Amino acid sequence: MNGKVIVITSGKGGVGKTTATASIGAALALEGKQVAVVDMDIGLRNLDVVMGLENRIVFNVVDAIKGKCKIKQAAIKDRRLESLYLLPASQSDNKDVLTPESMVRFCKELRKEFDYILLDCPAGIERGFENSVAPADEALVICTPEVSSVRDADRVIGLLLSKSITPKLVVNRIIPEMVARGDMLSHQDVVDVLSIELIGLVEMDDQVVVATNTGISPVLQKGSKAGEAFMRIAQRLNGRKDIPIEVPQVNKSIWKKIGEKLGLG
């Protein structure tokens, strides 16, 4: 096996990157792939909570890299998906404990066991970013339709391109009603500014909050719009180029639809 390493990054914090990592990892596992998701936010881990695995941590990614345990001892199997594993971050170390070279060596070992290795990159462009992008074959940039998020994403894209990593874009937390009123950037506005390949659009979804609190991925929740969007993103990453990118639409009432058909809207 020669797995693919994908770094999931954003520049700005709080854009849903960790949720995206957990959801895309779960979706790839549902596609039948062996998947490892790695929390690279050393000292501030969250991916374990999002996946509902916080009580099962014995060893962490730093322990595995430092040789204090084997990779399979640090890897925690998901409660619901047999082929999904979490490698949690350390809470007691800082980002300087790892180096880009050690991450390249670590991921070389992971590639032998997994089809996909998803690295949840910490916010910012300091050591944690450098450690996360060093072994990456591809990058997903998570961006929300906000000016500050777009600006930070643009900075990160420039750094990725300088390292010969071609990033793909996910626009997260779209609120169609605000876009329609002109109160939020449209996805096309974001794509026009960032000028990289778009791989998915994710609508704001209350079920993501439920997922974070329960540890059950949105992709496993029936009717979750975010879950469906992450599933389509995973399928495209897995080579399904025929899967269309669905643009979140304003929900219209039945009376609004009837009015439009009668030419009253």
Foldseek 3Di string as FASTA:
>chain_A
DQAAEEEEAFQDPDLCLLLLQVLLLVLLLVVVWQEEEEELQAQDWQNCLLQVNVVVADDAPLCCLVVVDPPVNQWDARPPRRRYTYHTHHNPDHLVSDALVSLLVVVRVVSVPTRYYYYRADHRCPSSVSNRLSNHQEYEHEAEQDPVRLVSRLVVCVVCVVVVHAYEYEYEADDQVCVVVVNTDFVVNSCVSNVGHYQEYAHRWPVSVVSSNPSPRLLPDPPTRRSVGSSSSSVVVVPPPVRDHDGDHDDDDPVRVVCVVVVND
